[in-house]
């Protein structure tokens, strides 16, 4: 019986880590304007973000970024695929 309980715990754990979060594309914008940078320490996000830079990240990372600096905003951009 103890084995069944352990198996169930492992299945639950694998199920939560096995799913990938969907990523969003956002453009970072500073209230100060062009040439402004933001230094962050968030896993999976560039250490330095530049005003106007387009970033691809999960919603969780985006929420952490929004909390880290109130003078920056993140505008969602549509994915544009080049067809040549």
PDB file of N, CA and C in Angstrom:
ATOM      1  N   UNK A   1       0.811  -1.195   0.000  1.00  0.00           N
ATOM      2  CA  UNK A   1       0.000   0.000   0.000  1.00  0.00           C
ATOM      3  C   UNK A   1       0.855   1.261   0.000  1.00  0.00           C
ATOM      4  N   UNK A   2       1.955   1.205   0.698  1.00  0.00           N
ATOM      5  CA  UNK A   2       2.846   2.370   0.737  1.00  0.00           C
ATOM      6  C   UNK A   2       3.398   2.667  -0.651  1.00  0.00           C
ATOM      7  N   UNK A   3       3.640   1.615  -1.430  1.00  0.00           N
ATOM      8  CA  UNK A   3       4.167   1.801  -2.788  1.00  0.00           C
ATOM      9  C   UNK A   3       3.159   2.546  -3.660  1.00  0.00           C
ATOM     10  N   UNK A   4       1.887   2.215  -3.535  1.00  0.00           N
ATOM     11  CA  UNK A   4       0.860   2.876  -4.337  1.00  0.00           C
ATOM     12  C   UNK A   4       0.793   4.365  -4.023  1.00  0.00           C
ATOM     13  N   UNK A   5       0.923   4.711  -2.760  1.00  0.00           N
ATOM     14  CA  UNK A   5       0.892   6.118  -2.358  1.00  0.00           C
ATOM     15  C   UNK A   5       2.078   6.863  -2.951  1.00  0.00           C
ATOM     16  N   UNK A   6       3.257   6.225  -2.941  1.00  0.00           N
ATOM     17  CA  UNK A   6       4.451   6.856  -3.510  1.00  0.00           C
ATOM     18  C   UNK A   6       4.301   7.022  -5.016  1.00  0.00           C
ATOM     19  N   UNK A   7       3.779   5.998  -5.692  1.00  0.00           N
ATOM     20  CA  UNK A   7       3.577   6.076  -7.137  1.00  0.00           C
ATOM     21  C   UNK A   7       2.639   7.229  -7.483  1.00  0.00           C
ATOM     22  N   UNK A   8       1.584   7.370  -6.706  1.00  0.00           N
ATOM     23  CA  UNK A   8       0.613   8.434  -6.956  1.00  0.00           C
ATOM     24  C   UNK A   8       1.259   9.812  -6.784  1.00  0.00           C
ATOM     25  N   UNK A   9       2.122   9.959  -5.765  1.00  0.00           N
ATOM     26  CA  UNK A   9       2.828  11.223  -5.547  1.00  0.00           C
ATOM     27  C   UNK A   9       3.729  11.542  -6.728  1.00  0.00           C
ATOM     28  N   UNK A  10       4.446  10.528  -7.232  1.00  0.00           N
ATOM     29  CA  UNK A  10       5.352  10.741  -8.363  1.00  0.00           C
ATOM     30  C   UNK A  10       4.574  11.134  -9.607  1.00  0.00           C
ATOM     31  N   UNK A  11       3.439  10.496  -9.852  1.00  0.00           N
ATOM     32  CA  UNK A  11       2.623  10.832 -11.017  1.00  0.00           C
ATOM     33  C   UNK A  11       2.153  12.280 -10.941  1.00  0.00           C
ATOM     34  N   UNK A  12       1.720  12.691  -9.772  1.00  0.00           N
ATOM     35  CA  UNK A  12       1.253  14.062  -9.582  1.00  0.00           C
ATOM     36  C   UNK A  12       2.386  15.039  -9.826  1.00  0.00           C
ATOM     37  N   UNK A  13       3.553  14.726  -9.300  1.00  0.00           N
ATOM     38  CA  UNK A  13       4.718  15.594  -9.459  1.00  0.00           C
ATOM     39  C   UNK A  13       5.103  15.703 -10.935  1.00  0.00           C
ATOM     40  N   UNK A  14       5.148  14.578 -11.640  1.00  0.00           N
ATOM     41  CA  UNK A  14       5.520  14.580 -13.052  1.00  0.00           C
ATOM     42  C   UNK A  14       4.490  15.322 -13.884  1.00  0.00           C
ATOM     43  N   UNK A  15       3.240  15.189 -13.546  1.00  0.00           N
ATOM     44  CA  UNK A  15       2.183  15.860 -14.294  1.00  0.00           C
ATOM     45  C   UNK A  15       2.304  17.369 -14.238  1.00  0.00           C
ATOM     46  N   UNK A  16       2.686  17.894 -13.092  1.00  0.00           N
ATOM     47  CA  UNK A  16       2.781  19.346 -12.959  1.00  0.00           C
ATOM     48  C   UNK A  16       4.023  19.895 -13.642  1.00  0.00           C
ATOM     49  N   UNK A  17       5.115  19.135 -13.659  1.00  0.00           N
ATOM     50  CA  UNK A  17       6.337  19.628 -14.290  1.00  0.00           C
ATOM     51  C   UNK A  17       6.390  19.283 -15.769  1.00  0.00           C
ATOM     52  N   UNK A  18       5.602  18.323 -16.196  1.00  0.00           N
ATOM     53  CA  UNK A  18       5.641  17.887 -17.583  1.00  0.00           C
ATOM     54  C   UNK A  18       4.981  18.859 -18.546  1.00  0.00           C
ATOM     55  N   UNK A  19       4.075  19.663 -18.065  1.00  0.00           N
ATOM     56  CA  UNK A  19       3.387  20.605 -18.945  1.00  0.00           C
ATOM     57  C   UNK A  19       4.203  21.884 -19.076  1.00  0.00           C
ATOM     58  N   UNK A  20       4.338  22.344 -20.303  1.00  0.00           N
ATOM     59  CA  UNK A  20       5.088  23.577 -20.549  1.00  0.00           C
ATOM     60  C   UNK A  20       4.129  24.757 -20.531  1.00  0.00           C
ATOM     61  N   UNK A  21       4.586  25.846 -19.918  1.00  0.00           N
ATOM     62  CA  UNK A  21       3.774  27.060 -19.920  1.00  0.00           C
ATOM     63  C   UNK A  21       3.855  27.696 -21.296  1.00  0.00           C
ATOM     64  N   UNK A  22       2.747  28.247 -21.740  1.00  0.00           N
ATOM     65  CA  UNK A  22       2.771  28.923 -23.027  1.00  0.00           C
ATOM     66  C   UNK A  22       3.557  30.220 -22.898  1.00  0.00           C
ATOM     67  N   UNK A  23       4.246  30.556 -23.965  1.00  0.00           N
ATOM     68  CA  UNK A  23       5.071  31.759 -23.944  1.00  0.00           C
ATOM     69  C   UNK A  23       4.358  32.896 -24.659  1.00  0.00           C
ATOM     70  N   UNK A  24       4.649  34.091 -24.210  1.00  0.00           N
ATOM     71  CA  UNK A  24       4.087  35.287 -24.827  1.00  0.00           C
ATOM     72  C   UNK A  24       5.235  36.168 -25.303  1.00  0.00           C
ATOM     73  N   UNK A  25       4.974  36.936 -26.357  1.00  0.00           N
ATOM     74  CA  UNK A  25       5.966  37.897 -26.850  1.00  0.00           C
ATOM     75  C   UNK A  25       5.535  39.279 -26.398  1.00  0.00           C
ATOM     76  N   UNK A  26       6.458  39.973 -25.752  1.00  0.00           N
ATOM     77  CA  UNK A  26       6.158  41.317 -25.269  1.00  0.00           C
ATOM     78  C   UNK A  26       7.276  42.276 -25.638  1.00  0.00           C
ATOM     79  N   UNK A  27       6.900  43.550 -25.792  1.00  0.00           N
ATOM     80  CA  UNK A  27       7.898  44.591 -26.024  1.00  0.00           C
ATOM     81  C   UNK A  27       8.052  45.366 -24.724  1.00  0.00           C
ATOM     82  N   UNK A  28       9.294  45.457 -24.253  1.00  0.00           N
ATOM     83  CA  UNK A  28       9.581  46.179 -23.012  1.00  0.00           C
ATOM     84  C   UNK A  28       9.641  47.673 -23.294  1.00  0.00           C
ATOM     85  N   UNK A  29       8.943  48.444 -22.482  1.00  0.00           N
ATOM     86  CA  UNK A  29       8.931  49.898 -22.661  1.00  0.00           C
ATOM     87  C   UNK A  29       9.177  50.574 -21.323  1.00  0.00           C
ATOM     88  N   UNK A  30      10.121  51.499 -21.329  1.00  0.00           N
ATOM     89  CA  UNK A  30      10.434  52.262 -20.128  1.00  0.00           C
ATOM     90  C   UNK A  30       9.734  53.609 -20.186  1.00  0.00           C
ATOM     91  N   UNK A  31       9.318  54.107 -19.044  1.00  0.00           N
ATOM     92  CA  UNK A  31       8.715  55.443 -18.988  1.00  0.00           C
ATOM     93  C   UNK A  31       9.740  56.513 -19.336  1.00  0.00           C
ATOM     94  N   UNK A  32      11.031  56.200 -19.170  1.00  0.00           N
ATOM     95  CA  UNK A  32      12.106  57.161 -19.452  1.00  0.00           C
ATOM     96  C   UNK A  32      12.435  57.261 -20.937  1.00  0.00           C
ATOM     97  N   UNK A  33      12.010  56.280 -21.733  1.00  0.00           N
ATOM     98  CA  UNK A  33      12.217  56.350 -23.175  1.00  0.00           C
ATOM     99  C   UNK A  33      13.417  55.577 -23.683  1.00  0.00           C
ATOM    100  N   UNK A  34      13.785  55.854 -24.935  1.00  0.00           N
ATOM    101  CA  UNK A  34      14.836  55.125 -25.649  1.00  0.00           C
ATOM    102  C   UNK A  34      16.170  55.182 -24.919  1.00  0.00           C
ATOM    103  N   UNK A  35      16.918  54.093 -25.042  1.00  0.00           N
ATOM    104  CA  UNK A  35      18.250  54.030 -24.451  1.00  0.00           C
ATOM    105  C   UNK A  35      18.261  53.604 -22.998  1.00  0.00           C
ATOM    106  N   UNK A  36      17.092  53.397 -22.422  1.00  0.00           N
ATOM    107  CA  UNK A  36      17.000  53.003 -21.019  1.00  0.00           C
ATOM    108  C   UNK A  36      17.146  51.493 -20.893  1.00  0.00           C
ATOM    109  N   UNK A  37      17.846  51.046 -19.856  1.00  0.00           N
ATOM    110  CA  UNK A  37      18.002  49.614 -19.610  1.00  0.00           C
ATOM    111  C   UNK A  37      17.498  49.272 -18.214  1.00  0.00           C
ATOM    112  N   UNK A  38      17.146  48.005 -18.046  1.00  0.00           N
ATOM    113  CA  UNK A  38      16.687  47.499 -16.758  1.00  0.00           C
ATOM    114  C   UNK A  38      17.476  46.242 -16.440  1.00  0.00           C
ATOM    115  N   UNK A  39      18.129  46.215 -15.285  1.00  0.00           N
ATOM    116  CA  UNK A  39      18.864  45.031 -14.840  1.00  0.00           C
ATOM    117  C   UNK A  39      17.938  44.182 -13.980  1.00  0.00           C
ATOM    118  N   UNK A  40      17.796  42.899 -14.361  1.00  0.00           N
ATOM    119  CA  UNK A  40      16.928  41.993 -13.607  1.00  0.00           C
ATOM    120  C   UNK A  40      17.661  40.693 -13.307  1.00  0.00           C
ATOM    121  N   UNK A  41      17.158  39.969 -12.328  1.00  0.00           N
ATOM    122  CA  UNK A  41      17.724  38.671 -11.987  1.00  0.00           C
ATOM    123  C   UNK A  41      16.580  37.666 -11.873  1.00  0.00           C
ATOM    124  N   UNK A  42      15.996  37.349 -13.032  1.00  0.00           N
ATOM    125  CA  UNK A  42      14.884  36.407 -13.101  1.00  0.00           C
ATOM    126  C   UNK A  42      15.301  35.272 -14.026  1.00  0.00           C
ATOM    127  N   UNK A  43      15.153  34.046 -13.557  1.00  0.00           N
ATOM    128  CA  UNK A  43      15.573  32.886 -14.334  1.00  0.00           C
ATOM    129  C   UNK A  43      14.838  32.831 -15.671  1.00  0.00           C
ATOM    130  N   UNK A  44      15.599  32.655 -16.758  1.00  0.00           N
ATOM    131  CA  UNK A  44      15.019  32.549 -18.089  1.00  0.00           C
ATOM    132  C   UNK A  44      14.787  33.877 -18.781  1.00  0.00           C
ATOM    133  N   UNK A  45      15.157  34.966 -18.125  1.00  0.00           N
ATOM    134  CA  UNK A  45      14.973  36.312 -18.678  1.00  0.00           C
ATOM    135  C   UNK A  45      16.354  36.950 -18.808  1.00  0.00           C
ATOM    136  N   UNK A  46      16.615  37.680 -19.908  1.00  0.00           N
ATOM    137  CA  UNK A  46      17.928  38.337 -20.046  1.00  0.00           C
ATOM    138  C   UNK A  46      18.239  39.224 -18.838  1.00  0.00           C
ATOM    139  N   UNK A  47      19.511  39.280 -18.460  1.00  0.00           N
ATOM    140  CA  UNK A  47      19.933  40.070 -17.286  1.00  0.00           C
ATOM    141  C   UNK A  47      19.700  41.562 -17.497  1.00  0.00           C
ATOM    142  N   UNK A  48      19.874  42.022 -18.747  1.00  0.00           N
ATOM    143  CA  UNK A  48      19.674  43.441 -19.064  1.00  0.00           C
ATOM    144  C   UNK A  48      18.599  43.549 -20.138  1.00  0.00           C
ATOM    145  N   UNK A  49      17.572  44.328 -19.854  1.00  0.00           N
ATOM    146  CA  UNK A  49      16.481  44.538 -20.804  1.00  0.00           C
ATOM    147  C   UNK A  49      16.572  45.973 -21.303  1.00  0.00           C
ATOM    148  N   UNK A  50      16.467  46.141 -22.614  1.00  0.00           N
ATOM    149  CA  UNK A  50      16.590  47.453 -23.247  1.00  0.00           C
ATOM    150  C   UNK A  50      15.203  47.921 -23.686  1.00  0.00           C
ATOM    151  N   UNK A  51      14.939  49.218 -23.534  1.00  0.00           N
ATOM    152  CA  UNK A  51      13.669  49.803 -23.973  1.00  0.00           C
ATOM    153  C   UNK A  51      13.437  49.471 -25.452  1.00  0.00           C
ATOM    154  N   UNK A  52      12.277  48.932 -25.785  1.00  0.00           N
ATOM    155  CA  UNK A  52      11.935  48.591 -27.162  1.00  0.00           C
ATOM    156  C   UNK A  52      12.280  47.164 -27.551  1.00  0.00           C
ATOM    157  N   UNK A  53      12.947  46.434 -26.663  1.00  0.00           N
ATOM    158  CA  UNK A  53      13.350  45.056 -26.954  1.00  0.00           C
ATOM    159  C   UNK A  53      12.138  44.131 -26.891  1.00  0.00           C
ATOM    160  N   UNK A  54      12.069  43.177 -27.845  1.00  0.00           N
ATOM    161  CA  UNK A  54      10.992  42.195 -27.849  1.00  0.00           C
ATOM    162  C   UNK A  54      11.504  40.944 -27.144  1.00  0.00           C
ATOM    163  N   UNK A  55      10.750  40.488 -26.157  1.00  0.00           N
ATOM    164  CA  UNK A  55      11.136  39.334 -25.351  1.00  0.00           C
ATOM    165  C   UNK A  55      10.072  38.251 -25.442  1.00  0.00           C
ATOM    166  N   UNK A  56      10.512  36.994 -25.348  1.00  0.00           N
ATOM    167  CA  UNK A  56       9.574  35.879 -25.304  1.00  0.00           C
ATOM    168  C   UNK A  56       9.751  35.190 -23.962  1.00  0.00           C
ATOM    169  N   UNK A  57       8.656  35.098 -23.198  1.00  0.00           N
ATOM    170  CA  UNK A  57       8.739  34.532 -21.853  1.00  0.00           C
ATOM    171  C   UNK A  57       7.397  33.967 -21.426  1.00  0.00           C
ATOM    172  N   UNK A  58       7.398  33.260 -20.311  1.00  0.00           N
ATOM    173  CA  UNK A  58       6.152  32.710 -19.772  1.00  0.00           C
ATOM    174  C   UNK A  58       5.409  33.808 -19.012  1.00  0.00           C
ATOM    175  N   UNK A  59       4.140  33.570 -18.765  1.00  0.00           N
ATOM    176  CA  UNK A  59       3.334  34.545 -18.021  1.00  0.00           C
ATOM    177  C   UNK A  59       3.871  34.744 -16.607  1.00  0.00           C
ATOM    178  N   UNK A  60       4.402  33.676 -16.016  1.00  0.00           N
ATOM    179  CA  UNK A  60       4.956  33.770 -14.663  1.00  0.00           C
ATOM    180  C   UNK A  60       6.164  34.707 -14.649  1.00  0.00           C
ATOM    181  N   UNK A  61       7.047  34.567 -15.654  1.00  0.00           N
ATOM    182  CA  UNK A  61       8.215  35.450 -15.753  1.00  0.00           C
ATOM    183  C   UNK A  61       7.771  36.890 -15.988  1.00  0.00           C
ATOM    184  N   UNK A  62       6.749  37.063 -16.805  1.00  0.00           N
ATOM    185  CA  UNK A  62       6.232  38.401 -17.097  1.00  0.00           C
ATOM    186  C   UNK A  62       5.693  39.064 -15.827  1.00  0.00           C
ATOM    187  N   UNK A  63       4.983  38.306 -15.015  1.00  0.00           N
ATOM    188  CA  UNK A  63       4.453  38.851 -13.761  1.00  0.00           C
ATOM    189  C   UNK A  63       5.590  39.289 -12.840  1.00  0.00           C
ATOM    190  N   UNK A  64       6.661  38.489 -12.766  1.00  0.00           N
ATOM    191  CA  UNK A  64       7.817  38.848 -11.938  1.00  0.00           C
ATOM    192  C   UNK A  64       8.466  40.131 -12.451  1.00  0.00           C
ATOM    193  N   UNK A  65       8.547  40.263 -13.778  1.00  0.00           N
ATOM    194  CA  UNK A  65       9.122  41.473 -14.367  1.00  0.00           C
ATOM    195  C   UNK A  65       8.284  42.702 -14.025  1.00  0.00           C
ATOM    196  N   UNK A  66       6.985  42.567 -14.143  1.00  0.00           N
ATOM    197  CA  UNK A  66       6.089  43.694 -13.853  1.00  0.00           C
ATOM    198  C   UNK A  66       6.230  44.139 -12.399  1.00  0.00           C
ATOM    199  N   UNK A  67       6.425  43.187 -11.505  1.00  0.00           N
ATOM    200  CA  UNK A  67       6.582  43.501 -10.086  1.00  0.00           C
ATOM    201  C   UNK A  67       7.928  44.175  -9.823  1.00  0.00           C
ATOM    202  N   UNK A  68       8.963  43.778 -10.584  1.00  0.00           N
ATOM    203  CA  UNK A  68      10.323  44.263 -10.311  1.00  0.00           C
ATOM    204  C   UNK A  68      10.513  45.750 -10.594  1.00  0.00           C
ATOM    205  N   UNK A  69       9.761  46.319 -11.520  1.00  0.00           N
ATOM    206  CA  UNK A  69       9.923  47.742 -11.805  1.00  0.00           C
ATOM    207  C   UNK A  69       8.613  48.352 -12.288  1.00  0.00           C
ATOM    208  N   UNK A  70       8.130  49.316 -11.533  1.00  0.00           N
ATOM    209  CA  UNK A  70       6.855  49.946 -11.881  1.00  0.00           C
ATOM    210  C   UNK A  70       7.001  50.975 -13.001  1.00  0.00           C
ATOM    211  N   UNK A  71       8.239  51.373 -13.315  1.00  0.00           N
ATOM    212  CA  UNK A  71       8.436  52.379 -14.363  1.00  0.00           C
ATOM    213  C   UNK A  71       8.583  51.741 -15.750  1.00  0.00           C
ATOM    214  N   UNK A  72       8.391  50.426 -15.832  1.00  0.00           N
ATOM    215  CA  UNK A  72       8.454  49.714 -17.107  1.00  0.00           C
ATOM    216  C   UNK A  72       7.104  49.083 -17.389  1.00  0.00           C
ATOM    217  N   UNK A  73       6.752  49.013 -18.689  1.00  0.00           N
ATOM    218  CA  UNK A  73       5.526  48.330 -19.088  1.00  0.00           C
ATOM    219  C   UNK A  73       5.883  47.319 -20.174  1.00  0.00           C
ATOM    220  N   UNK A  74       5.005  46.356 -20.357  1.00  0.00           N
ATOM    221  CA  UNK A  74       5.259  45.280 -21.320  1.00  0.00           C
ATOM    222  C   UNK A  74       4.031  45.115 -22.191  1.00  0.00           C
ATOM    223  N   UNK A  75       4.192  45.470 -23.468  1.00  0.00           N
ATOM    224  CA  UNK A  75       3.090  45.446 -24.424  1.00  0.00           C
ATOM    225  C   UNK A  75       3.172  44.158 -25.230  1.00  0.00           C
ATOM    226  N   UNK A  76       2.100  43.383 -25.220  1.00  0.00           N
ATOM    227  CA  UNK A  76       2.093  42.116 -25.943  1.00  0.00           C
ATOM    228  C   UNK A  76       2.100  42.378 -27.448  1.00  0.00           C
ATOM    229  N   UNK A  77       2.964  41.654 -28.153  1.00  0.00           N
ATOM    230  CA  UNK A  77       3.051  41.784 -29.606  1.00  0.00           C
ATOM    231  C   UNK A  77       2.673  40.455 -30.238  1.00  0.00           C
ATOM    232  N   UNK A  78       2.087  40.525 -31.422  1.00  0.00           N
ATOM    233  CA  UNK A  78       1.697  39.308 -32.125  1.00  0.00           C
ATOM    234  C   UNK A  78       2.911  38.684 -32.772  1.00  0.00           C
ATOM    235  N   UNK A  79       2.873  37.358 -32.865  1.00  0.00           N
ATOM    236  CA  UNK A  79       3.969  36.660 -33.531  1.00  0.00           C
ATOM    237  C   UNK A  79       3.803  36.833 -35.034  1.00  0.00           C
ATOM    238  N   UNK A  80       4.799  37.409 -35.655  1.00  0.00           N
ATOM    239  CA  UNK A  80       4.763  37.601 -37.107  1.00  0.00           C
ATOM    240  C   UNK A  80       5.757  36.637 -37.732  1.00  0.00           C
ATOM    241  N   UNK A  81       5.253  35.800 -38.622  1.00  0.00           N
ATOM    242  CA  UNK A  81       6.128  34.835 -39.269  1.00  0.00           C
ATOM    243  C   UNK A  81       6.471  35.330 -40.664  1.00  0.00           C
ATOM    244  N   UNK A  82       7.758  35.317 -40.973  1.00  0.00           N
ATOM    245  CA  UNK A  82       8.212  35.744 -42.294  1.00  0.00           C
ATOM    246  C   UNK A  82       7.951  34.639 -43.305  1.00  0.00           C
ATOM    247  N   UNK A  83       7.306  34.991 -44.399  1.00  0.00           N
ATOM    248  CA  UNK A  83       7.072  34.019 -45.466  1.00  0.00           C
ATOM    249  C   UNK A  83       7.739  34.529 -46.727  1.00  0.00           C
ATOM    250  N   UNK A  84       8.788  33.843 -47.127  1.00  0.00           N
ATOM    251  CA  UNK A  84       9.522  34.254 -48.330  1.00  0.00           C
ATOM    252  C   UNK A  84       9.631  33.107 -49.291  1.00  0.00           C
TER     253      UNK A  84
END
